[in-house]
Amino acid sequence: MDGKYNGWANYETWLAKLWIDNDQGSQEYWAETTRMCDDARELARELERQCQNFPMRSIGILLLSAFRSVDWYEIALALKEAEKEG
């Protein structure tokens, strides 16, 4: 097994992208952030930075652990591609 999940790098990456697309406010925020970032690498850094700023309660620690497995660059590429498609 290559570790892929639903076409994404892994389960955590798929779940993080699902979370980003979960509600209109989040979609609008990340669409605007995607437009403001020059490239996918910059966007990936911003995705990771934002998601690591969650409160460090017990659930936050669990989420932070899962976020370390997320392929933020893959999500950034998908957001940039969606921006191009319009």
PDB file of N, CA and C in Angstrom:
ATOM      1  N   MET A   1       0.845  -1.178   0.000  1.00  0.00           N
ATOM      2  CA  MET A   1       0.000   0.000   0.000  1.00  0.00           C
ATOM      3  C   MET A   1       0.890   1.241   0.000  1.00  0.00           C
ATOM      4  N   ASP A   2       0.545   2.241  -0.815  1.00  0.00           N
ATOM      5  CA  ASP A   2       1.387   3.424  -0.956  1.00  0.00           C
ATOM      6  C   ASP A   2       1.054   4.535   0.030  1.00  0.00           C
ATOM      7  N   GLY A   3       0.105   4.340   0.930  1.00  0.00           N
ATOM      8  CA  GLY A   3      -0.227   5.338   1.931  1.00  0.00           C
ATOM      9  C   GLY A   3      -1.229   6.372   1.467  1.00  0.00           C
ATOM     10  N   LYS A   4      -1.595   6.350   0.189  1.00  0.00           N
ATOM     11  CA  LYS A   4      -2.563   7.314  -0.324  1.00  0.00           C
ATOM     12  C   LYS A   4      -3.938   7.064   0.285  1.00  0.00           C
ATOM     13  N   TYR A   5      -4.720   8.143   0.363  1.00  0.00           N
ATOM     14  CA  TYR A   5      -6.086   8.037   0.870  1.00  0.00           C
ATOM     15  C   TYR A   5      -6.977   8.936   0.029  1.00  0.00           C
ATOM     16  N   ASN A   6      -7.933   8.357  -0.653  1.00  0.00           N
ATOM     17  CA  ASN A   6      -8.853   9.106  -1.520  1.00  0.00           C
ATOM     18  C   ASN A   6      -8.112  10.039  -2.477  1.00  0.00           C
ATOM     19  N   GLY A   7      -6.952   9.606  -2.963  1.00  0.00           N
ATOM     20  CA  GLY A   7      -6.179  10.393  -3.911  1.00  0.00           C
ATOM     21  C   GLY A   7      -5.239  11.410  -3.291  1.00  0.00           C
ATOM     22  N   TRP A   8      -5.216  11.506  -1.969  1.00  0.00           N
ATOM     23  CA  TRP A   8      -4.349  12.447  -1.274  1.00  0.00           C
ATOM     24  C   TRP A   8      -3.158  11.705  -0.676  1.00  0.00           C
ATOM     25  N   ALA A   9      -2.138  12.435  -0.242  1.00  0.00           N
ATOM     26  CA  ALA A   9      -0.897  11.840   0.270  1.00  0.00           C
ATOM     27  C   ALA A   9      -1.148  10.852   1.397  1.00  0.00           C
ATOM     28  N   ASN A  10      -2.110  11.161   2.273  1.00  0.00           N
ATOM     29  CA  ASN A  10      -2.440  10.282   3.386  1.00  0.00           C
ATOM     30  C   ASN A  10      -3.789  10.708   3.969  1.00  0.00           C
ATOM     31  N   TYR A  11      -4.255   9.980   4.949  1.00  0.00           N
ATOM     32  CA  TYR A  11      -5.546  10.259   5.573  1.00  0.00           C
ATOM     33  C   TYR A  11      -5.579  11.652   6.190  1.00  0.00           C
ATOM     34  N   GLU A  12      -4.501  12.047   6.862  1.00  0.00           N
ATOM     35  CA  GLU A  12      -4.454  13.336   7.541  1.00  0.00           C
ATOM     36  C   GLU A  12      -4.569  14.498   6.557  1.00  0.00           C
ATOM     37  N   THR A  13      -3.918  14.356   5.401  1.00  0.00           N
ATOM     38  CA  THR A  13      -3.995  15.400   4.374  1.00  0.00           C
ATOM     39  C   THR A  13      -5.412  15.499   3.821  1.00  0.00           C
ATOM     40  N   TRP A  14      -6.009  14.368   3.524  1.00  0.00           N
ATOM     41  CA  TRP A  14      -7.395  14.346   3.042  1.00  0.00           C
ATOM     42  C   TRP A  14      -8.325  14.997   4.068  1.00  0.00           C
ATOM     43  N   LEU A  15      -8.162  14.647   5.328  1.00  0.00           N
ATOM     44  CA  LEU A  15      -9.022  15.167   6.383  1.00  0.00           C
ATOM     45  C   LEU A  15      -8.830  16.676   6.571  1.00  0.00           C
ATOM     46  N   ALA A  16      -7.581  17.146   6.498  1.00  0.00           N
ATOM     47  CA  ALA A  16      -7.321  18.579   6.628  1.00  0.00           C
ATOM     48  C   ALA A  16      -7.970  19.345   5.480  1.00  0.00           C
ATOM     49  N   LYS A  17      -7.879  18.828   4.258  1.00  0.00           N
ATOM     50  CA  LYS A  17      -8.516  19.493   3.111  1.00  0.00           C
ATOM     51  C   LYS A  17     -10.028  19.485   3.273  1.00  0.00           C
ATOM     52  N   LEU A  18     -10.576  18.396   3.748  1.00  0.00           N
ATOM     53  CA  LEU A  18     -12.011  18.310   4.011  1.00  0.00           C
ATOM     54  C   LEU A  18     -12.410  19.365   5.042  1.00  0.00           C
ATOM     55  N   TRP A  19     -11.606  19.523   6.081  1.00  0.00           N
ATOM     56  CA  TRP A  19     -11.863  20.504   7.128  1.00  0.00           C
ATOM     57  C   TRP A  19     -11.833  21.927   6.553  1.00  0.00           C
ATOM     58  N   ILE A  20     -10.861  22.216   5.684  1.00  0.00           N
ATOM     59  CA  ILE A  20     -10.745  23.532   5.069  1.00  0.00           C
ATOM     60  C   ILE A  20     -11.983  23.851   4.239  1.00  0.00           C
ATOM     61  N   ASP A  21     -12.530  22.848   3.557  1.00  0.00           N
ATOM     62  CA  ASP A  21     -13.702  23.034   2.695  1.00  0.00           C
ATOM     63  C   ASP A  21     -15.022  22.859   3.434  1.00  0.00           C
ATOM     64  N   ASN A  22     -14.984  22.696   4.750  1.00  0.00           N
ATOM     65  CA  ASN A  22     -16.162  22.308   5.518  1.00  0.00           C
ATOM     66  C   ASN A  22     -17.256  23.367   5.574  1.00  0.00           C
ATOM     67  N   ASP A  23     -16.891  24.630   5.607  1.00  0.00           N
ATOM     68  CA  ASP A  23     -17.936  25.657   5.692  1.00  0.00           C
ATOM     69  C   ASP A  23     -17.565  26.846   4.816  1.00  0.00           C
ATOM     70  N   GLN A  24     -18.555  27.652   4.507  1.00  0.00           N
ATOM     71  CA  GLN A  24     -18.368  28.764   3.581  1.00  0.00           C
ATOM     72  C   GLN A  24     -17.336  29.765   4.085  1.00  0.00           C
ATOM     73  N   GLY A  25     -17.361  30.070   5.374  1.00  0.00           N
ATOM     74  CA  GLY A  25     -16.396  31.029   5.920  1.00  0.00           C
ATOM     75  C   GLY A  25     -14.965  30.568   5.738  1.00  0.00           C
ATOM     76  N   SER A  26     -14.726  29.305   6.019  1.00  0.00           N
ATOM     77  CA  SER A  26     -13.389  28.743   5.847  1.00  0.00           C
ATOM     78  C   SER A  26     -12.994  28.747   4.373  1.00  0.00           C
ATOM     79  N   GLN A  27     -13.919  28.355   3.505  1.00  0.00           N
ATOM     80  CA  GLN A  27     -13.634  28.358   2.066  1.00  0.00           C
ATOM     81  C   GLN A  27     -13.274  29.752   1.579  1.00  0.00           C
ATOM     82  N   GLU A  28     -14.038  30.755   2.016  1.00  0.00           N
ATOM     83  CA  GLU A  28     -13.780  32.133   1.588  1.00  0.00           C
ATOM     84  C   GLU A  28     -12.446  32.642   2.123  1.00  0.00           C
ATOM     85  N   TYR A  29     -12.143  32.322   3.384  1.00  0.00           N
ATOM     86  CA  TYR A  29     -10.871  32.742   3.973  1.00  0.00           C
ATOM     87  C   TYR A  29      -9.703  32.161   3.189  1.00  0.00           C
ATOM     88  N   TRP A  30      -9.757  30.862   2.909  1.00  0.00           N
ATOM     89  CA  TRP A  30      -8.637  30.228   2.226  1.00  0.00           C
ATOM     90  C   TRP A  30      -8.583  30.596   0.751  1.00  0.00           C
ATOM     91  N   ALA A  31      -9.713  30.907   0.142  1.00  0.00           N
ATOM     92  CA  ALA A  31      -9.692  31.391  -1.250  1.00  0.00           C
ATOM     93  C   ALA A  31      -8.972  32.736  -1.309  1.00  0.00           C
ATOM     94  N   GLU A  32      -9.270  33.627  -0.358  1.00  0.00           N
ATOM     95  CA  GLU A  32      -8.600  34.932  -0.305  1.00  0.00           C
ATOM     96  C   GLU A  32      -7.116  34.762   0.011  1.00  0.00           C
ATOM     97  N   THR A  33      -6.789  33.916   0.954  1.00  0.00           N
ATOM     98  CA  THR A  33      -5.389  33.663   1.301  1.00  0.00           C
ATOM     99  C   THR A  33      -4.645  33.076   0.115  1.00  0.00           C
ATOM    100  N   THR A  34      -5.300  32.181  -0.627  1.00  0.00           N
ATOM    101  CA  THR A  34      -4.700  31.591  -1.826  1.00  0.00           C
ATOM    102  C   THR A  34      -4.367  32.669  -2.844  1.00  0.00           C
ATOM    103  N   ARG A  35      -5.274  33.606  -3.048  1.00  0.00           N
ATOM    104  CA  ARG A  35      -5.021  34.706  -3.992  1.00  0.00           C
ATOM    105  C   ARG A  35      -3.861  35.587  -3.527  1.00  0.00           C
ATOM    106  N   MET A  36      -3.716  35.772  -2.233  1.00  0.00           N
ATOM    107  CA  MET A  36      -2.677  36.653  -1.694  1.00  0.00           C
ATOM    108  C   MET A  36      -1.280  36.017  -1.723  1.00  0.00           C
ATOM    109  N   CYS A  37      -1.217  34.708  -1.710  1.00  0.00           N
ATOM    110  CA  CYS A  37       0.081  34.025  -1.720  1.00  0.00           C
ATOM    111  C   CYS A  37       0.592  33.906  -3.153  1.00  0.00           C
ATOM    112  N   ASP A  38       1.872  34.183  -3.323  1.00  0.00           N
ATOM    113  CA  ASP A  38       2.460  34.163  -4.661  1.00  0.00           C
ATOM    114  C   ASP A  38       2.540  32.769  -5.266  1.00  0.00           C
ATOM    115  N   ASP A  39       2.799  31.765  -4.437  1.00  0.00           N
ATOM    116  CA  ASP A  39       2.936  30.411  -4.966  1.00  0.00           C
ATOM    117  C   ASP A  39       2.477  29.390  -3.931  1.00  0.00           C
ATOM    118  N   ALA A  40       2.461  28.137  -4.333  1.00  0.00           N
ATOM    119  CA  ALA A  40       1.955  27.064  -3.473  1.00  0.00           C
ATOM    120  C   ALA A  40       2.841  26.851  -2.249  1.00  0.00           C
ATOM    121  N   ARG A  41       4.141  27.062  -2.370  1.00  0.00           N
ATOM    122  CA  ARG A  41       5.025  26.883  -1.204  1.00  0.00           C
ATOM    123  C   ARG A  41       4.703  27.906  -0.117  1.00  0.00           C
ATOM    124  N   GLU A  42       4.490  29.152  -0.505  1.00  0.00           N
ATOM    125  CA  GLU A  42       4.125  30.189   0.459  1.00  0.00           C
ATOM    126  C   GLU A  42       2.772  29.864   1.094  1.00  0.00           C
ATOM    127  N   LEU A  43       1.831  29.417   0.275  1.00  0.00           N
ATOM    128  CA  LEU A  43       0.508  29.041   0.777  1.00  0.00           C
ATOM    129  C   LEU A  43       0.603  27.846   1.720  1.00  0.00           C
ATOM    130  N   ALA A  44       1.426  26.871   1.395  1.00  0.00           N
ATOM    131  CA  ALA A  44       1.604  25.703   2.262  1.00  0.00           C
ATOM    132  C   ALA A  44       2.135  26.120   3.629  1.00  0.00           C
ATOM    133  N   ARG A  45       3.093  27.047   3.645  1.00  0.00           N
ATOM    134  CA  ARG A  45       3.627  27.548   4.922  1.00  0.00           C
ATOM    135  C   ARG A  45       2.538  28.246   5.729  1.00  0.00           C
ATOM    136  N   GLU A  46       1.691  29.008   5.056  1.00  0.00           N
ATOM    137  CA  GLU A  46       0.610  29.714   5.743  1.00  0.00           C
ATOM    138  C   GLU A  46      -0.438  28.735   6.271  1.00  0.00           C
ATOM    139  N   LEU A  47      -0.777  27.724   5.489  1.00  0.00           N
ATOM    140  CA  LEU A  47      -1.708  26.689   5.945  1.00  0.00           C
ATOM    141  C   LEU A  47      -1.183  26.039   7.222  1.00  0.00           C
ATOM    142  N   GLU A  48       0.067  25.639   7.192  1.00  0.00           N
ATOM    143  CA  GLU A  48       0.658  24.969   8.352  1.00  0.00           C
ATOM    144  C   GLU A  48       0.725  25.908   9.555  1.00  0.00           C
ATOM    145  N   ARG A  49       1.124  27.155   9.328  1.00  0.00           N
ATOM    146  CA  ARG A  49       1.232  28.128  10.419  1.00  0.00           C
ATOM    147  C   ARG A  49      -0.126  28.367  11.078  1.00  0.00           C
ATOM    148  N   GLN A  50      -1.154  28.573  10.266  1.00  0.00           N
ATOM    149  CA  GLN A  50      -2.491  28.825  10.794  1.00  0.00           C
ATOM    150  C   GLN A  50      -3.006  27.633  11.593  1.00  0.00           C
ATOM    151  N   CYS A  51      -2.813  26.450  11.079  1.00  0.00           N
ATOM    152  CA  CYS A  51      -3.359  25.256  11.726  1.00  0.00           C
ATOM    153  C   CYS A  51      -2.592  24.895  12.994  1.00  0.00           C
ATOM    154  N   GLN A  52      -1.345  25.298  13.099  1.00  0.00           N
ATOM    155  CA  GLN A  52      -0.580  25.006  14.305  1.00  0.00           C
ATOM    156  C   GLN A  52      -0.840  26.013  15.417  1.00  0.00           C
ATOM    157  N   ASN A  53      -1.655  27.019  15.155  1.00  0.00           N
ATOM    158  CA  ASN A  53      -1.967  28.016  16.171  1.00  0.00           C
ATOM    159  C   ASN A  53      -3.217  27.672  16.970  1.00  0.00           C
ATOM    160  N   PHE A  54      -3.722  26.446  16.845  1.00  0.00           N
ATOM    161  CA  PHE A  54      -4.879  26.035  17.634  1.00  0.00           C
ATOM    162  C   PHE A  54      -4.510  26.003  19.112  1.00  0.00           C
ATOM    163  N   PRO A  55      -5.487  26.242  19.989  1.00  0.00           N
ATOM    164  CA  PRO A  55      -5.210  26.160  21.432  1.00  0.00           C
ATOM    165  C   PRO A  55      -4.659  24.787  21.800  1.00  0.00           C
ATOM    166  N   MET A  56      -3.708  24.771  22.705  1.00  0.00           N
ATOM    167  CA  MET A  56      -3.049  23.528  23.083  1.00  0.00           C
ATOM    168  C   MET A  56      -3.776  22.835  24.244  1.00  0.00           C
ATOM    169  N   ARG A  57      -5.034  22.567  24.068  1.00  0.00           N
ATOM    170  CA  ARG A  57      -5.764  21.718  25.015  1.00  0.00           C
ATOM    171  C   ARG A  57      -5.530  20.283  24.586  1.00  0.00           C
ATOM    172  N   SER A  58      -6.063  19.341  25.323  1.00  0.00           N
ATOM    173  CA  SER A  58      -5.788  17.931  24.995  1.00  0.00           C
ATOM    174  C   SER A  58      -6.194  17.601  23.562  1.00  0.00           C
ATOM    175  N   ILE A  59      -7.327  18.090  23.106  1.00  0.00           N
ATOM    176  CA  ILE A  59      -7.725  17.803  21.720  1.00  0.00           C
ATOM    177  C   ILE A  59      -6.810  18.537  20.756  1.00  0.00           C
ATOM    178  N   GLY A  60      -6.339  19.731  21.169  1.00  0.00           N
ATOM    179  CA  GLY A  60      -5.412  20.478  20.334  1.00  0.00           C
ATOM    180  C   GLY A  60      -4.106  19.740  20.132  1.00  0.00           C
ATOM    181  N   ILE A  61      -3.622  19.094  21.181  1.00  0.00           N
ATOM    182  CA  ILE A  61      -2.384  18.316  21.085  1.00  0.00           C
ATOM    183  C   ILE A  61      -2.569  17.149  20.123  1.00  0.00           C
ATOM    184  N   LEU A  62      -3.720  16.495  20.202  1.00  0.00           N
ATOM    185  CA  LEU A  62      -4.021  15.395  19.283  1.00  0.00           C
ATOM    186  C   LEU A  62      -4.069  15.901  17.842  1.00  0.00           C
ATOM    187  N   LEU A  63      -4.743  17.029  17.630  1.00  0.00           N
ATOM    188  CA  LEU A  63      -4.822  17.605  16.286  1.00  0.00           C
ATOM    189  C   LEU A  63      -3.452  18.018  15.779  1.00  0.00           C
ATOM    190  N   LEU A  64      -2.662  18.638  16.636  1.00  0.00           N
ATOM    191  CA  LEU A  64      -1.325  19.060  16.238  1.00  0.00           C
ATOM    192  C   LEU A  64      -0.496  17.865  15.789  1.00  0.00           C
ATOM    193  N   SER A  65      -0.615  16.768  16.489  1.00  0.00           N
ATOM    194  CA  SER A  65       0.090  15.554  16.106  1.00  0.00           C
ATOM    195  C   SER A  65      -0.346  15.089  14.716  1.00  0.00           C
ATOM    196  N   ALA A  66      -1.649  15.101  14.465  1.00  0.00           N
ATOM    197  CA  ALA A  66      -2.154  14.690  13.157  1.00  0.00           C
ATOM    198  C   ALA A  66      -1.718  15.684  12.081  1.00  0.00           C
ATOM    199  N   PHE A  67      -1.702  16.994  12.397  1.00  0.00           N
ATOM    200  CA  PHE A  67      -1.319  18.004  11.416  1.00  0.00           C
ATOM    201  C   PHE A  67       0.123  17.833  10.964  1.00  0.00           C
ATOM    202  N   ARG A  68       0.964  17.246  11.776  1.00  0.00           N
ATOM    203  CA  ARG A  68       2.356  17.027  11.379  1.00  0.00           C
ATOM    204  C   ARG A  68       2.468  16.048  10.209  1.00  0.00           C
ATOM    205  N   SER A  69       1.436  15.237  10.009  1.00  0.00           N
ATOM    206  CA  SER A  69       1.444  14.273   8.912  1.00  0.00           C
ATOM    207  C   SER A  69       0.822  14.827   7.637  1.00  0.00           C
ATOM    208  N   VAL A  70       0.230  16.007   7.727  1.00  0.00           N
ATOM    209  CA  VAL A  70      -0.464  16.587   6.575  1.00  0.00           C
ATOM    210  C   VAL A  70       0.545  17.067   5.546  1.00  0.00           C
ATOM    211  N   ASP A  71       0.258  16.809   4.285  1.00  0.00           N
ATOM    212  CA  ASP A  71       1.061  17.325   3.179  1.00  0.00           C
ATOM    213  C   ASP A  71       0.466  18.681   2.779  1.00  0.00           C
ATOM    214  N   TRP A  72       0.891  19.737   3.451  1.00  0.00           N
ATOM    215  CA  TRP A  72       0.337  21.078   3.235  1.00  0.00           C
ATOM    216  C   TRP A  72       0.584  21.555   1.818  1.00  0.00           C
ATOM    217  N   TYR A  73       1.689  21.157   1.229  1.00  0.00           N
ATOM    218  CA  TYR A  73       1.996  21.557  -0.149  1.00  0.00           C
ATOM    219  C   TYR A  73       0.975  20.964  -1.120  1.00  0.00           C
ATOM    220  N   GLU A  74       0.572  19.734  -0.905  1.00  0.00           N
ATOM    221  CA  GLU A  74      -0.427  19.109  -1.775  1.00  0.00           C
ATOM    222  C   GLU A  74      -1.750  19.879  -1.702  1.00  0.00           C
ATOM    223  N   ILE A  75      -2.151  20.274  -0.503  1.00  0.00           N
ATOM    224  CA  ILE A  75      -3.378  21.060  -0.348  1.00  0.00           C
ATOM    225  C   ILE A  75      -3.212  22.421  -1.020  1.00  0.00           C
ATOM    226  N   ALA A  76      -2.056  23.047  -0.836  1.00  0.00           N
ATOM    227  CA  ALA A  76      -1.804  24.343  -1.457  1.00  0.00           C
ATOM    228  C   ALA A  76      -1.890  24.248  -2.975  1.00  0.00           C
ATOM    229  N   LEU A  77      -1.322  23.200  -3.551  1.00  0.00           N
ATOM    230  CA  LEU A  77      -1.413  23.005  -4.996  1.00  0.00           C
ATOM    231  C   LEU A  77      -2.868  22.868  -5.441  1.00  0.00           C
ATOM    232  N   ALA A  78      -3.675  22.125  -4.682  1.00  0.00           N
ATOM    233  CA  ALA A  78      -5.091  21.956  -5.027  1.00  0.00           C
ATOM    234  C   ALA A  78      -5.837  23.293  -4.946  1.00  0.00           C
ATOM    235  N   LEU A  79      -5.533  24.101  -3.936  1.00  0.00           N
ATOM    236  CA  LEU A  79      -6.170  25.414  -3.811  1.00  0.00           C
ATOM    237  C   LEU A  79      -5.751  26.336  -4.951  1.00  0.00           C
ATOM    238  N   LYS A  80      -4.481  26.317  -5.320  1.00  0.00           N
ATOM    239  CA  LYS A  80      -4.002  27.136  -6.433  1.00  0.00           C
ATOM    240  C   LYS A  80      -4.659  26.690  -7.737  1.00  0.00           C
ATOM    241  N   GLU A  81      -4.811  25.388  -7.930  1.00  0.00           N
ATOM    242  CA  GLU A  81      -5.459  24.874  -9.142  1.00  0.00           C
ATOM    243  C   GLU A  81      -6.925  25.312  -9.193  1.00  0.00           C
ATOM    244  N   ALA A  82      -7.607  25.253  -8.056  1.00  0.00           N
ATOM    245  CA  ALA A  82      -9.011  25.684  -7.999  1.00  0.00           C
ATOM    246  C   ALA A  82      -9.120  27.185  -8.296  1.00  0.00           C
ATOM    247  N   GLU A  83      -8.150  27.962  -7.846  1.00  0.00           N
ATOM    248  CA  GLU A  83      -8.141  29.396  -8.122  1.00  0.00           C
ATOM    249  C   GLU A  83      -8.039  29.649  -9.614  1.00  0.00           C
ATOM    250  N   LYS A  84      -7.177  28.916 -10.307  1.00  0.00           N
ATOM    251  CA  LYS A  84      -7.000  29.066 -11.757  1.00  0.00           C
ATOM    252  C   LYS A  84      -8.276  28.725 -12.505  1.00  0.00           C
ATOM    253  N   GLU A  85      -8.982  27.674 -12.014  1.00  0.00           N
ATOM    254  CA  GLU A  85     -10.192  27.215 -12.690  1.00  0.00           C
ATOM    255  C   GLU A  85     -11.350  28.170 -12.470  1.00  0.00           C
ATOM    256  N   GLY A  86     -11.231  29.008 -11.432  1.00  0.00           N
ATOM    257  CA  GLY A  86     -12.113  30.071 -11.223  1.00  0.00           C
ATOM    258  C   GLY A  86     -13.363  30.011 -10.579  1.00  0.00           C
TER     259      GLY A  86
END
